[in-house]
Amino acid sequence: MIKKMMTTVAAGAVMSLSAVSAQADGHGITVAYFLEWPMPFQYAKVEGMYEEAMGVPINWVSFDTGTAMSAAMASGDVHISVSQGVPPFVVAASAGQDIQIVDVAVSYSENDNCVVASALEIDKDSAGELSGKKVAVPLGTAAHYGFLTQMNHFGVDISSMEIVDMAPAESAAALAQGSLDMACGWGGALRRMKEHGNVLLTGAEKEELGILVFDVTSAPAGFVAEESEMLAKFLKVTADANAMWADEANHAKMLPVIAKDAGMSEDDTMATISTFIFPGVDEQLDGKWLGGGAQSFMQGVANVFVEAGSIPSALSSYSNAVNTGPLEAAKGM
């Protein structure tokens, strides 16, 4: 069942492109991002800093999942995806889609997880009781990878579970209504899930299992090659926005703007963004991230998905799926 659904995801679920209303013309670009996922780049987005630096109009389009971002990049409707999860990127790359990671957008092990309905009273000591239960998972995402790895850790046979492919916002509502035993997701949806349940493992406990949770900025390889200078300018604006946010003196002016753009209250925005880490350019280029760590992690994610029957095969290497050229150029700007 999972394999069938994942094949649909990887083969290019272009139907999920209803979010994209207009194809970018030759004079502008389209950038994908998430609502309820507050990040410093949104301050620069609202203030027009990207257009000023890049010299082109930008069409910003919000998505529900990283798999939909992949499909939009495959169809040519999206040129850059901000904060795409590594697992949906891996699913697309493993299926042969020619896309590349160009920076590390955010690290957030505390902000992507699975929540068990309170009524079940199941925690990490009784996780075996999840066998046979109904769980909503957005397939091919970081939440899916975390779910598979946690169930493997607890020895729960996922073939015994009823697994439903559902976007986090929808599964949060379903969990609240009592129609799910467990739901997996991130951001504002995860916060709402926690009002009706509990996580099995904390972010730190997940990291001990090797569940790194980070998002990337990604783009079709053709766009990276043809528009490397424009992309470098985009990454420079993002890096500058992250540096602005790192100085708490800027929070008062940035927070209201970011909150409004994310579709969240300022309190919820601060609660969410305070769990995020935004690595600087030098850190992104070192061994932990794009200097080798991300490539190795992608191989591990792909292998887990293959073992679970979620994708048919992995690439022999994911080194070509990372292109640090534009980020290195941004560093020199």
Protein backbone atom coordinates (compact mmCIF):
# COMPACT_ATOMS: atom_id res chain seq x y z
CA MET A 1 0.00 0.00 0.00
CA ILE A 2 2.74 2.45 0.97
CA LYS A 3 4.78 1.47 -2.08
CA LYS A 4 1.86 2.15 -4.41
CA MET A 5 1.22 5.56 -2.89
CA MET A 6 4.90 6.49 -2.90
CA THR A 7 5.24 5.51 -6.55
CA THR A 8 2.44 7.96 -7.29
CA VAL A 9 4.33 10.65 -5.36
CA ALA A 10 7.64 9.95 -7.10
CA ALA A 11 6.16 9.58 -10.58
CA GLY A 12 5.11 13.21 -10.45
CA ALA A 13 1.82 13.95 -8.79
CA VAL A 14 1.18 16.91 -10.99
CA MET A 15 -2.36 17.07 -9.65
CA SER A 16 -0.90 18.59 -6.51
CA LEU A 17 0.00 21.57 -8.67
CA SER A 18 -3.38 23.22 -8.12
CA ALA A 19 -1.42 25.53 -5.79
CA VAL A 20 0.40 26.95 -8.79
CA SER A 21 -1.80 29.31 -10.74
CA ALA A 22 0.67 30.82 -13.15
CA GLN A 23 3.69 29.66 -15.06
CA ALA A 24 6.59 32.07 -14.68
CA ASP A 25 7.29 33.92 -17.90
CA GLY A 26 10.78 34.52 -19.15
CA HIS A 27 11.08 37.69 -17.09
CA GLY A 28 10.43 36.35 -13.60
CA ILE A 29 10.77 33.31 -11.40
CA THR A 30 8.45 31.34 -9.13
CA VAL A 31 9.56 30.40 -5.62
CA ALA A 32 7.85 27.79 -3.43
CA TYR A 33 7.57 28.04 0.37
CA PHE A 34 5.41 26.84 3.28
CA LEU A 35 2.77 28.67 5.29
CA GLU A 36 2.87 28.19 9.09
CA TRP A 37 6.63 27.69 8.77
CA PRO A 38 8.12 31.03 9.90
CA MET A 39 11.64 31.85 8.75
CA PRO A 40 13.76 35.02 8.47
CA PHE A 41 13.67 34.94 4.65
CA GLN A 42 10.00 35.98 4.88
CA TYR A 43 11.02 39.40 6.17
CA ALA A 44 13.15 39.87 3.06
CA LYS A 45 10.32 38.43 0.94
CA VAL A 46 7.77 40.98 2.21
CA GLU A 47 10.22 43.89 2.07
CA GLY A 48 11.05 43.20 -1.59
CA MET A 49 14.73 42.52 -0.90
CA TYR A 50 14.90 39.55 -3.27
CA GLU A 51 13.52 41.48 -6.25
CA GLU A 52 15.87 44.36 -5.49
CA ALA A 53 18.94 42.11 -5.40
CA MET A 54 17.99 39.85 -8.31
CA GLY A 55 16.39 42.37 -10.64
CA VAL A 56 13.43 40.13 -11.56
CA PRO A 57 9.83 39.85 -10.33
CA ILE A 58 9.16 36.87 -8.07
CA ASN A 59 5.93 34.88 -7.86
CA TRP A 60 5.78 33.32 -4.36
CA VAL A 61 3.58 30.20 -4.11
CA SER A 62 2.79 28.30 -0.89
CA PHE A 63 2.68 24.49 -0.74
CA ASP A 64 1.52 21.88 1.79
CA THR A 65 4.31 19.32 1.30
CA GLY A 66 7.81 18.98 -0.11
CA THR A 67 6.61 16.27 -2.49
CA ALA A 68 4.30 18.82 -4.14
CA MET A 69 7.31 21.14 -4.45
CA SER A 70 9.20 18.38 -6.30
CA ALA A 71 6.31 17.88 -8.71
CA ALA A 72 6.12 21.64 -9.37
CA MET A 73 9.85 21.80 -10.09
CA ALA A 74 9.54 18.77 -12.40
CA SER A 75 6.82 20.48 -14.42
CA GLY A 76 8.75 23.75 -14.67
CA ASP A 77 6.19 25.68 -12.62
CA VAL A 78 8.65 26.38 -9.77
CA HIS A 79 12.27 27.47 -10.09
CA ILE A 80 13.36 27.52 -6.42
CA SER A 81 11.91 25.72 -3.38
CA VAL A 82 12.67 27.17 0.06
CA SER A 83 12.77 24.78 3.01
CA GLN A 84 12.06 21.56 1.14
CA GLY A 85 12.52 18.55 3.42
CA VAL A 86 15.43 16.25 2.63
CA PRO A 87 13.29 13.06 2.34
CA PRO A 88 10.98 14.45 -0.39
CA PHE A 89 14.08 15.71 -2.17
CA VAL A 90 15.60 12.23 -1.92
CA VAL A 91 12.42 10.58 -3.23
CA ALA A 92 12.45 12.84 -6.30
CA ALA A 93 16.19 12.50 -6.94
CA SER A 94 16.00 8.72 -6.53
CA ALA A 95 13.23 8.62 -9.14
CA GLY A 96 15.53 10.35 -11.61
CA GLN A 97 14.42 13.97 -11.22
CA ASP A 98 17.39 16.25 -11.91
CA ILE A 99 17.24 18.58 -8.90
CA GLN A 100 19.97 19.93 -6.64
CA ILE A 101 20.38 21.18 -3.08
CA VAL A 102 21.90 24.66 -2.99
CA ASP A 103 21.80 25.50 0.72
CA VAL A 104 20.71 24.30 4.17
CA ALA A 105 17.58 26.29 4.97
CA VAL A 106 16.91 25.24 8.57
CA SER A 107 17.62 22.51 11.13
CA TYR A 108 14.69 21.59 13.39
CA SER A 109 14.76 18.26 15.18
CA GLU A 110 12.16 19.49 17.71
CA ASN A 111 9.72 20.65 15.07
CA ASP A 112 8.99 17.49 13.08
CA ASN A 113 7.51 14.51 14.87
CA CYS A 114 4.73 11.97 15.33
CA VAL A 115 2.02 12.43 17.96
CA VAL A 116 0.04 9.59 19.57
CA ALA A 117 -3.59 10.28 20.56
CA SER A 118 -3.90 11.00 24.29
CA ALA A 119 -6.69 8.45 24.74
CA LEU A 120 -4.29 5.58 23.89
CA GLU A 121 -1.88 6.50 26.72
CA ILE A 122 1.03 5.09 24.70
CA ASP A 123 4.56 6.39 25.29
CA LYS A 124 8.05 5.20 24.36
CA ASP A 125 7.85 2.40 26.94
CA SER A 126 4.66 0.98 25.42
CA ALA A 127 5.20 1.93 21.76
CA GLY A 128 4.70 -1.72 20.74
CA GLU A 129 0.98 -1.15 21.26
CA LEU A 130 0.94 0.95 18.08
CA SER A 131 0.80 -2.27 16.07
CA GLY A 132 -2.44 -2.33 14.09
CA LYS A 133 -3.16 1.35 14.70
CA LYS A 134 -4.19 4.01 12.14
CA VAL A 135 -1.58 6.68 11.45
CA ALA A 136 -1.55 9.67 9.09
CA VAL A 137 1.83 10.34 7.46
CA PRO A 138 2.65 12.77 4.64
CA LEU A 139 4.47 10.24 2.47
CA GLY A 140 7.93 11.00 1.15
CA THR A 141 8.60 13.77 3.67
CA ALA A 142 10.88 14.25 6.67
CA ALA A 143 7.95 13.21 8.87
CA HIS A 144 7.66 9.95 6.90
CA TYR A 145 11.36 9.19 7.34
CA GLY A 146 11.12 9.97 11.06
CA PHE A 147 8.05 7.73 11.37
CA LEU A 148 9.77 4.78 9.64
CA THR A 149 12.92 5.16 11.73
CA GLN A 150 11.00 5.46 15.02
CA MET A 151 8.81 2.43 14.25
CA ASN A 152 11.92 0.43 13.34
CA HIS A 153 13.53 1.52 16.62
CA PHE A 154 10.48 0.40 18.61
CA GLY A 155 10.11 -2.84 16.66
CA VAL A 156 6.65 -1.98 15.32
CA ASP A 157 5.81 -3.77 12.06
CA ILE A 158 4.48 -1.01 9.79
CA SER A 159 2.72 -3.60 7.59
CA SER A 160 0.37 -4.16 10.53
CA MET A 161 -0.61 -0.47 10.60
CA GLU A 162 -3.17 1.40 8.55
CA ILE A 163 -1.09 4.19 7.00
CA VAL A 164 -2.89 7.12 5.39
CA ASP A 165 -1.14 9.69 3.20
CA MET A 166 -2.32 13.03 4.62
CA ALA A 167 -0.97 16.60 4.78
CA PRO A 168 -0.15 17.68 8.38
CA ALA A 169 -2.87 20.35 8.60
CA GLU A 170 -5.52 17.77 7.69
CA SER A 171 -4.16 15.08 9.99
CA ALA A 172 -4.03 17.53 12.92
CA ALA A 173 -7.77 18.10 12.47
CA ALA A 174 -8.42 14.35 12.12
CA LEU A 175 -6.44 13.62 15.29
CA ALA A 176 -8.48 16.24 17.16
CA GLN A 177 -11.69 14.57 15.95
CA GLY A 178 -10.52 11.20 17.21
CA SER A 179 -10.37 9.51 13.81
CA LEU A 180 -6.62 8.77 14.00
CA ASP A 181 -4.42 6.95 16.51
CA MET A 182 -1.29 8.82 15.48
CA ALA A 183 -0.36 11.67 13.15
CA CYS A 184 3.00 12.91 11.90
CA GLY A 185 3.87 16.43 10.77
CA TRP A 186 5.64 19.70 11.48
CA GLY A 187 5.22 23.39 12.28
CA GLY A 188 1.84 24.80 13.26
CA ALA A 189 0.14 21.49 12.49
CA LEU A 190 2.47 19.65 14.89
CA ARG A 191 1.71 22.20 17.60
CA ARG A 192 -2.03 21.54 17.16
CA MET A 193 -1.44 17.76 17.19
CA LYS A 194 0.28 18.05 20.56
CA GLU A 195 -2.91 19.51 22.03
CA HIS A 196 -4.48 16.08 21.54
CA GLY A 197 -1.57 13.73 22.11
CA ASN A 198 2.07 13.15 22.96
CA VAL A 199 5.34 12.52 21.11
CA LEU A 200 7.24 9.26 21.60
CA LEU A 201 10.74 10.74 21.36
CA THR A 202 12.13 14.25 21.86
CA GLY A 203 14.22 15.95 19.19
CA ALA A 204 17.42 15.09 21.05
CA GLU A 205 16.37 11.44 21.38
CA LYS A 206 15.63 11.30 17.65
CA GLU A 207 19.05 12.75 16.81
CA GLU A 208 20.62 9.95 18.84
CA LEU A 209 18.90 7.52 16.46
CA GLY A 210 20.39 9.38 13.50
CA ILE A 211 17.17 11.22 12.63
CA LEU A 212 18.57 14.56 11.56
CA VAL A 213 15.78 16.90 10.56
CA PHE A 214 16.71 19.70 8.22
CA ASP A 215 15.33 21.41 5.13
CA VAL A 216 17.15 22.68 2.09
CA THR A 217 16.76 25.21 -0.66
CA SER A 218 16.50 23.21 -3.87
CA ALA A 219 16.16 23.93 -7.58
CA PRO A 220 16.11 22.08 -10.92
CA ALA A 221 19.70 21.39 -12.04
CA GLY A 222 19.05 23.21 -15.32
CA PHE A 223 18.04 26.37 -13.48
CA VAL A 224 21.09 26.12 -11.20
CA ALA A 225 23.36 25.87 -14.25
CA GLU A 226 21.68 28.57 -16.33
CA GLU A 227 20.93 31.08 -13.57
CA SER A 228 23.75 30.49 -11.09
CA GLU A 229 24.40 34.22 -10.57
CA MET A 230 20.73 34.97 -9.94
CA LEU A 231 20.54 32.01 -7.56
CA ALA A 232 23.66 33.20 -5.71
CA LYS A 233 21.96 36.58 -5.18
CA PHE A 234 18.87 34.81 -3.85
CA LEU A 235 20.98 32.81 -1.36
CA LYS A 236 22.84 35.98 -0.32
CA VAL A 237 19.57 37.72 0.59
CA THR A 238 18.49 34.63 2.56
CA ALA A 239 21.81 34.52 4.43
CA ASP A 240 21.56 38.23 5.24
CA ALA A 241 18.01 37.76 6.57
CA ASN A 242 19.20 34.89 8.77
CA ALA A 243 22.04 37.05 10.08
CA MET A 244 19.56 39.84 10.85
CA TRP A 245 17.37 37.44 12.84
CA ALA A 246 20.39 36.14 14.75
CA ASP A 247 20.66 39.62 16.31
CA GLU A 248 17.83 39.79 18.86
CA ALA A 249 17.75 43.56 18.48
CA ASN A 250 16.01 42.98 15.13
CA HIS A 251 13.27 40.69 16.47
CA ALA A 252 10.86 43.53 17.26
CA LYS A 253 10.73 44.75 13.66
CA MET A 254 11.05 41.35 11.96
CA LEU A 255 8.65 39.21 14.02
CA PRO A 256 5.36 40.96 13.08
CA VAL A 257 6.27 40.82 9.39
CA ILE A 258 7.29 37.16 9.49
CA ALA A 259 4.19 36.20 11.53
CA LYS A 260 1.79 37.88 9.12
CA ASP A 261 3.44 36.30 6.09
CA ALA A 262 3.40 32.86 7.74
CA GLY A 263 -0.28 33.20 8.60
CA MET A 264 0.38 32.87 12.34
CA SER A 265 0.08 34.88 15.55
CA GLU A 266 3.25 36.50 16.82
CA ASP A 267 3.26 34.25 19.90
CA ASP A 268 2.93 31.07 17.81
CA THR A 269 5.54 32.34 15.38
CA MET A 270 8.04 32.96 18.17
CA ALA A 271 7.29 29.56 19.74
CA THR A 272 7.99 27.87 16.42
CA ILE A 273 10.97 29.85 15.14
CA SER A 274 12.75 29.59 18.49
CA THR A 275 13.09 25.83 17.88
CA PHE A 276 14.82 26.47 14.53
CA ILE A 277 18.54 26.71 13.81
CA PHE A 278 19.67 28.64 10.71
CA PRO A 279 23.28 27.65 9.90
CA GLY A 280 25.50 30.40 8.49
CA VAL A 281 27.08 30.08 5.05
CA ASP A 282 30.47 28.91 6.36
CA GLU A 283 28.78 26.31 8.54
CA GLN A 284 26.64 25.10 5.65
CA LEU A 285 29.74 24.56 3.52
CA ASP A 286 31.58 22.50 6.14
CA GLY A 287 31.67 18.73 6.54
CA LYS A 288 28.59 18.38 8.74
CA TRP A 289 26.34 19.77 6.04
CA LEU A 290 27.04 20.30 2.34
CA GLY A 291 30.71 19.31 2.60
CA GLY A 292 29.72 15.65 2.81
CA GLY A 293 27.31 15.16 5.69
CA ALA A 294 24.15 15.92 3.72
CA GLN A 295 25.19 13.57 0.91
CA SER A 296 25.77 10.70 3.37
CA PHE A 297 22.51 11.43 5.18
CA MET A 298 20.58 11.33 1.89
CA GLN A 299 22.05 7.91 1.16
CA GLY A 300 20.83 6.72 4.57
CA VAL A 301 17.34 8.16 4.01
CA ALA A 302 17.13 6.49 0.59
CA ASN A 303 18.21 3.14 2.03
CA VAL A 304 15.51 3.34 4.74
CA PHE A 305 12.86 4.13 2.12
CA VAL A 306 14.02 1.21 -0.06
CA GLU A 307 13.93 -1.20 2.89
CA ALA A 308 10.40 -0.03 3.75
CA GLY A 309 9.28 -0.56 0.16
CA SER A 310 8.55 3.16 -0.22
CA ILE A 311 10.79 3.69 -3.26
CA PRO A 312 12.07 1.02 -5.67
CA SER A 313 15.76 1.91 -5.51
CA ALA A 314 18.38 4.38 -4.31
CA LEU A 315 21.06 6.18 -6.29
CA SER A 316 24.59 4.83 -5.91
CA SER A 317 25.62 8.31 -4.69
CA TYR A 318 23.89 11.60 -3.94
CA SER A 319 27.01 13.74 -4.43
CA ASN A 320 25.67 15.18 -7.71
CA ALA A 321 22.46 16.17 -5.92
CA VAL A 322 24.35 18.95 -4.09
CA ASN A 323 25.73 22.03 -5.85
CA THR A 324 27.62 24.45 -3.58
CA GLY A 325 28.69 26.76 -6.42
CA PRO A 326 25.95 29.39 -5.94
CA LEU A 327 26.38 29.40 -2.14
CA GLU A 328 30.14 29.82 -2.47
CA ALA A 329 29.50 32.71 -4.87
CA ALA A 330 27.03 34.24 -2.39
CA LYS A 331 29.72 34.11 0.28
CA GLY A 332 31.87 36.40 -1.83
CA MET A 333 29.12 38.96 -2.46
